[in-house]
């Protein structure tokens, strides 16, 4: 089980029967607003309240890597494009949808939805 704390810490809880073990995986120093696993569960996307997107690879147990940084408008949400885990799509508060190459954070495509986006 992966979860995040208000302070921007990503935790992993290994639960077996009635016992559990907690591990701190990453500390990105910004509150995390959402977590999303790739379809094959090899990459975890972390979206912060400030609109920054990080990737975390559980099998490598390393630090979270900053993939996308908030530009003119904060990223509100991000998710993987399936099949696979090479691309993700993000949407900003101002209504811009973007497709990203996860390997290096290259923006491949943009579409302005001409509407303000909110999370409910």
N, C-alpha and C. Protein backbone atom coordinates (compact mmCIF):
# COMPACT_ATOMS: atom_id res chain seq x y z
N UNK A 1 0.85 -1.17 0.00
CA UNK A 1 0.00 0.00 0.00
C UNK A 1 0.90 1.24 0.00
N UNK A 2 0.70 2.13 -0.98
CA UNK A 2 1.42 3.40 -1.02
C UNK A 2 0.46 4.50 -0.62
N UNK A 3 0.96 5.45 0.18
CA UNK A 3 0.16 6.61 0.54
C UNK A 3 1.08 7.78 0.79
N UNK A 4 0.49 8.97 0.75
CA UNK A 4 1.30 10.17 0.96
C UNK A 4 0.78 10.94 2.15
N UNK A 5 1.69 11.67 2.76
CA UNK A 5 1.35 12.51 3.90
C UNK A 5 1.27 13.95 3.44
N UNK A 6 0.68 14.78 4.25
CA UNK A 6 0.51 16.20 3.96
C UNK A 6 1.84 16.89 3.67
N UNK A 7 2.91 16.42 4.27
CA UNK A 7 4.22 17.05 4.13
C UNK A 7 4.94 16.68 2.85
N UNK A 8 4.37 15.81 2.01
CA UNK A 8 5.02 15.42 0.76
C UNK A 8 5.86 14.16 0.88
N UNK A 9 5.57 13.34 1.86
CA UNK A 9 6.31 12.10 2.07
C UNK A 9 5.50 10.94 1.49
N UNK A 10 6.16 10.11 0.69
CA UNK A 10 5.55 8.92 0.13
C UNK A 10 5.91 7.74 1.02
N UNK A 11 4.90 7.05 1.54
CA UNK A 11 5.08 5.90 2.42
C UNK A 11 4.68 4.62 1.70
N UNK A 12 5.34 3.52 2.08
CA UNK A 12 4.95 2.19 1.63
C UNK A 12 4.66 1.36 2.87
N UNK A 13 3.49 0.75 2.90
CA UNK A 13 3.12 -0.15 3.98
C UNK A 13 3.05 -1.56 3.43
N UNK A 14 3.90 -2.44 3.95
CA UNK A 14 3.85 -3.86 3.61
C UNK A 14 2.97 -4.52 4.67
N UNK A 15 1.82 -5.04 4.24
CA UNK A 15 0.85 -5.61 5.17
C UNK A 15 0.77 -7.11 4.94
N UNK A 16 0.94 -7.87 6.01
CA UNK A 16 0.82 -9.32 5.93
C UNK A 16 0.10 -9.80 7.18
N UNK A 17 -1.03 -10.42 6.96
CA UNK A 17 -1.88 -10.87 8.06
C UNK A 17 -2.23 -9.67 8.95
N UNK A 18 -1.91 -9.74 10.23
CA UNK A 18 -2.23 -8.65 11.14
C UNK A 18 -1.02 -7.77 11.45
N UNK A 19 0.07 -7.95 10.71
CA UNK A 19 1.27 -7.17 10.95
C UNK A 19 1.58 -6.29 9.74
N UNK A 20 2.25 -5.19 9.98
CA UNK A 20 2.65 -4.32 8.89
C UNK A 20 4.02 -3.72 9.16
N UNK A 21 4.67 -3.33 8.08
CA UNK A 21 5.96 -2.65 8.15
C UNK A 21 5.86 -1.39 7.30
N UNK A 22 6.30 -0.26 7.87
CA UNK A 22 6.23 1.01 7.16
C UNK A 22 7.62 1.43 6.71
N UNK A 23 7.69 1.98 5.47
CA UNK A 23 8.94 2.47 4.93
C UNK A 23 8.69 3.83 4.27
N UNK A 24 9.59 4.78 4.50
CA UNK A 24 9.52 6.06 3.80
C UNK A 24 10.25 5.89 2.48
N UNK A 25 9.55 6.13 1.37
CA UNK A 25 10.11 5.92 0.04
C UNK A 25 10.73 7.19 -0.54
N UNK A 26 10.05 8.32 -0.36
CA UNK A 26 10.54 9.57 -0.94
C UNK A 26 9.96 10.74 -0.15
N UNK A 27 10.70 11.83 -0.16
CA UNK A 27 10.25 13.07 0.46
C UNK A 27 10.45 14.17 -0.57
N UNK A 28 9.35 14.67 -1.14
CA UNK A 28 9.46 15.67 -2.20
C UNK A 28 9.19 17.08 -1.69
N UNK A 29 8.95 17.22 -0.41
CA UNK A 29 8.82 18.53 0.25
C UNK A 29 7.66 19.38 -0.26
N UNK A 30 6.70 18.79 -0.92
CA UNK A 30 5.48 19.46 -1.37
C UNK A 30 4.32 18.52 -1.11
N UNK A 31 3.18 19.03 -0.66
CA UNK A 31 2.03 18.16 -0.45
C UNK A 31 1.62 17.44 -1.74
N UNK A 32 1.42 16.14 -1.65
CA UNK A 32 1.04 15.32 -2.80
C UNK A 32 -0.48 15.28 -2.89
N UNK A 33 -1.01 15.64 -4.06
CA UNK A 33 -2.47 15.66 -4.23
C UNK A 33 -3.01 14.37 -4.84
N UNK A 34 -2.20 13.65 -5.64
CA UNK A 34 -2.68 12.39 -6.19
C UNK A 34 -1.53 11.46 -6.53
N UNK A 35 -1.83 10.16 -6.48
CA UNK A 35 -0.91 9.09 -6.83
C UNK A 35 -1.58 8.24 -7.90
N UNK A 36 -0.83 7.83 -8.92
CA UNK A 36 -1.40 6.98 -9.96
C UNK A 36 -0.34 6.00 -10.45
N UNK A 37 -0.65 4.69 -10.39
CA UNK A 37 0.26 3.66 -10.87
C UNK A 37 0.11 3.47 -12.37
N UNK A 38 1.22 3.13 -13.03
CA UNK A 38 1.17 2.74 -14.44
C UNK A 38 0.42 1.42 -14.53
N UNK A 39 -0.09 1.07 -15.72
CA UNK A 39 -0.86 -0.18 -15.86
C UNK A 39 -0.09 -1.42 -15.44
N UNK A 40 1.24 -1.41 -15.60
CA UNK A 40 2.03 -2.58 -15.20
C UNK A 40 2.63 -2.44 -13.79
N UNK A 41 2.24 -1.40 -13.08
CA UNK A 41 2.66 -1.14 -11.69
C UNK A 41 4.16 -0.97 -11.50
N UNK A 42 4.87 -0.49 -12.53
CA UNK A 42 6.30 -0.29 -12.41
C UNK A 42 6.66 1.17 -12.11
N UNK A 43 5.74 2.09 -12.39
CA UNK A 43 6.00 3.52 -12.18
C UNK A 43 4.81 4.13 -11.46
N UNK A 44 5.08 5.01 -10.52
CA UNK A 44 4.06 5.72 -9.78
C UNK A 44 4.19 7.20 -10.10
N UNK A 45 3.11 7.83 -10.55
CA UNK A 45 3.09 9.28 -10.78
C UNK A 45 2.64 9.96 -9.50
N UNK A 46 3.33 11.02 -9.10
CA UNK A 46 2.97 11.81 -7.93
C UNK A 46 2.70 13.23 -8.41
N UNK A 47 1.51 13.75 -8.16
CA UNK A 47 1.16 15.12 -8.54
C UNK A 47 1.05 15.92 -7.25
N UNK A 48 1.74 17.07 -7.20
CA UNK A 48 1.73 17.88 -5.98
C UNK A 48 0.69 18.98 -6.05
N UNK A 49 0.40 19.58 -4.90
CA UNK A 49 -0.53 20.71 -4.83
C UNK A 49 -0.03 21.90 -5.63
N UNK A 50 1.29 22.02 -5.79
CA UNK A 50 1.86 23.13 -6.55
C UNK A 50 1.88 22.85 -8.05
N UNK A 51 1.44 21.65 -8.46
CA UNK A 51 1.35 21.33 -9.87
C UNK A 51 2.58 20.69 -10.48
N UNK A 52 3.45 20.13 -9.67
CA UNK A 52 4.63 19.44 -10.17
C UNK A 52 4.34 17.95 -10.23
N UNK A 53 4.87 17.27 -11.26
CA UNK A 53 4.66 15.83 -11.42
C UNK A 53 6.00 15.12 -11.26
N UNK A 54 6.02 14.11 -10.40
CA UNK A 54 7.21 13.29 -10.16
C UNK A 54 6.91 11.85 -10.56
N UNK A 55 7.97 11.10 -10.87
CA UNK A 55 7.84 9.66 -11.08
C UNK A 55 8.63 8.96 -9.98
N UNK A 56 8.13 7.80 -9.57
CA UNK A 56 8.80 6.98 -8.57
C UNK A 56 8.70 5.53 -9.04
N UNK A 57 9.84 4.85 -9.06
CA UNK A 57 9.88 3.45 -9.50
C UNK A 57 10.11 2.57 -8.27
N UNK A 58 9.06 1.91 -7.79
CA UNK A 58 9.17 1.10 -6.56
C UNK A 58 10.25 0.02 -6.61
N UNK A 59 10.46 -0.60 -7.76
CA UNK A 59 11.45 -1.67 -7.85
C UNK A 59 12.87 -1.15 -7.66
N UNK A 60 13.10 0.11 -7.96
CA UNK A 60 14.44 0.69 -7.84
C UNK A 60 14.67 1.35 -6.48
N UNK A 61 13.62 1.57 -5.73
CA UNK A 61 13.69 2.14 -4.39
C UNK A 61 14.55 3.40 -4.31
N UNK A 62 14.54 4.17 -5.35
CA UNK A 62 15.31 5.41 -5.34
C UNK A 62 14.43 6.59 -4.98
N UNK A 63 14.94 7.77 -5.23
CA UNK A 63 14.17 8.98 -4.97
C UNK A 63 13.16 9.22 -6.09
N UNK A 64 12.16 10.01 -5.78
CA UNK A 64 11.22 10.45 -6.80
C UNK A 64 11.94 11.43 -7.72
N UNK A 65 11.67 11.34 -9.02
CA UNK A 65 12.33 12.17 -10.01
C UNK A 65 11.32 13.17 -10.56
N UNK A 66 11.70 14.46 -10.54
CA UNK A 66 10.82 15.50 -11.06
C UNK A 66 10.72 15.33 -12.57
N UNK A 67 9.49 15.15 -13.05
CA UNK A 67 9.26 14.97 -14.48
C UNK A 67 8.78 16.26 -15.12
N UNK A 68 7.77 16.87 -14.52
CA UNK A 68 7.16 18.07 -15.06
C UNK A 68 7.05 19.11 -13.96
N UNK A 69 7.30 20.35 -14.31
CA UNK A 69 7.18 21.43 -13.34
C UNK A 69 6.09 22.37 -13.80
N UNK A 70 5.37 22.92 -12.84
CA UNK A 70 4.29 23.85 -13.15
C UNK A 70 4.85 25.02 -13.95
N UNK A 71 4.22 25.31 -15.06
CA UNK A 71 4.66 26.42 -15.91
C UNK A 71 3.72 27.59 -15.68
N UNK A 72 2.97 27.94 -16.69
CA UNK A 72 2.05 29.07 -16.58
C UNK A 72 0.82 28.70 -15.77
N UNK A 73 0.51 27.43 -15.71
CA UNK A 73 -0.67 26.97 -14.98
C UNK A 73 -0.34 25.65 -14.31
N UNK A 74 -0.81 25.44 -13.11
CA UNK A 74 -0.51 24.23 -12.36
C UNK A 74 -1.16 23.00 -12.98
N UNK A 75 -0.41 21.89 -12.94
CA UNK A 75 -0.99 20.61 -13.33
C UNK A 75 -1.99 20.22 -12.26
N UNK A 76 -3.17 19.88 -12.69
CA UNK A 76 -4.22 19.50 -11.75
C UNK A 76 -4.24 17.99 -11.56
N UNK A 77 -4.00 17.27 -12.64
CA UNK A 77 -4.02 15.82 -12.58
C UNK A 77 -3.17 15.25 -13.70
N UNK A 78 -2.71 14.02 -13.52
CA UNK A 78 -1.94 13.31 -14.54
C UNK A 78 -2.29 11.84 -14.46
N UNK A 79 -2.20 11.17 -15.60
CA UNK A 79 -2.47 9.74 -15.64
C UNK A 79 -1.70 9.14 -16.81
N UNK A 80 -1.50 7.84 -16.78
CA UNK A 80 -0.80 7.15 -17.84
C UNK A 80 -1.71 6.94 -19.04
N UNK A 81 -1.13 6.98 -20.24
CA UNK A 81 -1.85 6.61 -21.45
C UNK A 81 -1.56 5.13 -21.67
N UNK A 82 -2.59 4.34 -21.81
CA UNK A 82 -2.41 2.90 -21.96
C UNK A 82 -2.62 2.51 -23.41
N UNK A 83 -2.05 1.42 -23.87
CA UNK A 83 -1.29 0.45 -23.08
C UNK A 83 0.13 0.93 -22.84
N UNK A 84 0.77 0.32 -21.88
CA UNK A 84 2.15 0.65 -21.58
C UNK A 84 2.29 1.77 -20.55
N UNK A 85 3.53 2.21 -20.37
CA UNK A 85 3.80 3.27 -19.40
C UNK A 85 4.84 4.24 -19.94
N UNK A 86 4.82 4.49 -21.25
CA UNK A 86 5.78 5.41 -21.87
C UNK A 86 5.27 6.85 -21.91
N UNK A 87 3.95 7.03 -21.83
CA UNK A 87 3.36 8.35 -21.99
C UNK A 87 2.36 8.63 -20.87
N UNK A 88 2.22 9.92 -20.56
CA UNK A 88 1.17 10.31 -19.63
C UNK A 88 0.47 11.53 -20.19
N UNK A 89 -0.72 11.77 -19.70
CA UNK A 89 -1.50 12.95 -20.07
C UNK A 89 -1.72 13.75 -18.81
N UNK A 90 -1.65 15.06 -18.95
CA UNK A 90 -1.90 15.94 -17.81
C UNK A 90 -2.92 16.99 -18.22
N UNK A 91 -3.54 17.58 -17.23
CA UNK A 91 -4.46 18.69 -17.48
C UNK A 91 -4.15 19.78 -16.47
N UNK A 92 -4.20 21.03 -16.94
CA UNK A 92 -3.92 22.17 -16.07
C UNK A 92 -5.23 22.82 -15.65
N UNK A 93 -5.15 23.65 -14.63
CA UNK A 93 -6.33 24.37 -14.15
C UNK A 93 -6.94 25.21 -15.26
N UNK A 94 -6.09 25.76 -16.14
CA UNK A 94 -6.58 26.61 -17.23
C UNK A 94 -7.20 25.82 -18.37
N UNK A 95 -7.15 24.49 -18.31
CA UNK A 95 -7.80 23.67 -19.32
C UNK A 95 -6.92 23.20 -20.46
N UNK A 96 -5.62 23.16 -20.24
CA UNK A 96 -4.73 22.66 -21.28
C UNK A 96 -4.39 21.20 -21.00
N UNK A 97 -4.72 20.33 -21.95
CA UNK A 97 -4.38 18.91 -21.86
C UNK A 97 -3.08 18.70 -22.63
N UNK A 98 -2.16 17.93 -22.04
CA UNK A 98 -0.85 17.72 -22.65
C UNK A 98 -0.48 16.25 -22.57
N UNK A 99 0.21 15.77 -23.60
CA UNK A 99 0.73 14.41 -23.63
C UNK A 99 2.25 14.51 -23.48
N UNK A 100 2.80 13.70 -22.56
CA UNK A 100 4.22 13.76 -22.22
C UNK A 100 4.88 12.42 -22.43
N UNK A 101 6.16 12.46 -22.87
CA UNK A 101 7.00 11.27 -22.94
C UNK A 101 7.68 11.13 -21.59
N UNK A 102 7.43 10.04 -20.89
CA UNK A 102 7.91 9.90 -19.51
C UNK A 102 9.42 9.72 -19.40
N UNK A 103 10.06 9.25 -20.44
CA UNK A 103 11.50 9.02 -20.39
C UNK A 103 12.27 10.30 -20.06
N UNK A 104 11.88 11.41 -20.69
CA UNK A 104 12.64 12.64 -20.49
C UNK A 104 11.77 13.88 -20.24
N UNK A 105 10.45 13.70 -20.13
CA UNK A 105 9.56 14.83 -19.84
C UNK A 105 9.25 15.70 -21.04
N UNK A 106 9.49 15.21 -22.24
CA UNK A 106 9.21 15.98 -23.45
C UNK A 106 7.70 16.08 -23.68
N UNK A 107 7.23 17.31 -23.93
CA UNK A 107 5.82 17.51 -24.25
C UNK A 107 5.63 17.17 -25.73
N UNK A 108 4.76 16.20 -26.02
CA UNK A 108 4.55 15.74 -27.38
C UNK A 108 3.35 16.40 -28.05
N UNK A 109 2.36 16.80 -27.25
CA UNK A 109 1.15 17.35 -27.83
C UNK A 109 0.40 18.17 -26.79
N UNK A 110 -0.31 19.22 -27.26
CA UNK A 110 -1.11 20.06 -26.38
C UNK A 110 -2.47 20.29 -27.02
N UNK A 111 -3.47 20.42 -26.18
CA UNK A 111 -4.81 20.75 -26.64
C UNK A 111 -5.44 21.68 -25.61
N UNK A 112 -5.84 22.87 -26.03
CA UNK A 112 -6.50 23.79 -25.13
C UNK A 112 -7.99 23.51 -25.14
N UNK A 113 -8.54 23.18 -23.99
CA UNK A 113 -9.96 22.82 -23.88
C UNK A 113 -10.86 24.04 -23.76
N UNK A 114 -10.25 25.23 -23.63
CA UNK A 114 -11.00 26.48 -23.50
C UNK A 114 -12.03 26.47 -22.37
N UNK A 115 -11.65 25.84 -21.28
CA UNK A 115 -12.54 25.78 -20.10
C UNK A 115 -11.67 25.59 -18.86
N UNK A 116 -12.04 26.22 -17.77
CA UNK A 116 -11.32 26.02 -16.51
C UNK A 116 -11.67 24.65 -15.94
N UNK A 117 -10.66 23.95 -15.47
CA UNK A 117 -10.84 22.58 -14.98
C UNK A 117 -10.80 22.59 -13.45
N UNK A 118 -11.67 21.80 -12.83
CA UNK A 118 -11.69 21.63 -11.37
C UNK A 118 -11.78 20.17 -11.02
N UNK A 119 -11.30 19.84 -9.85
CA UNK A 119 -11.41 18.47 -9.33
C UNK A 119 -12.56 18.44 -8.36
N UNK A 120 -13.41 17.43 -8.50
CA UNK A 120 -14.53 17.27 -7.57
C UNK A 120 -14.47 15.94 -6.88
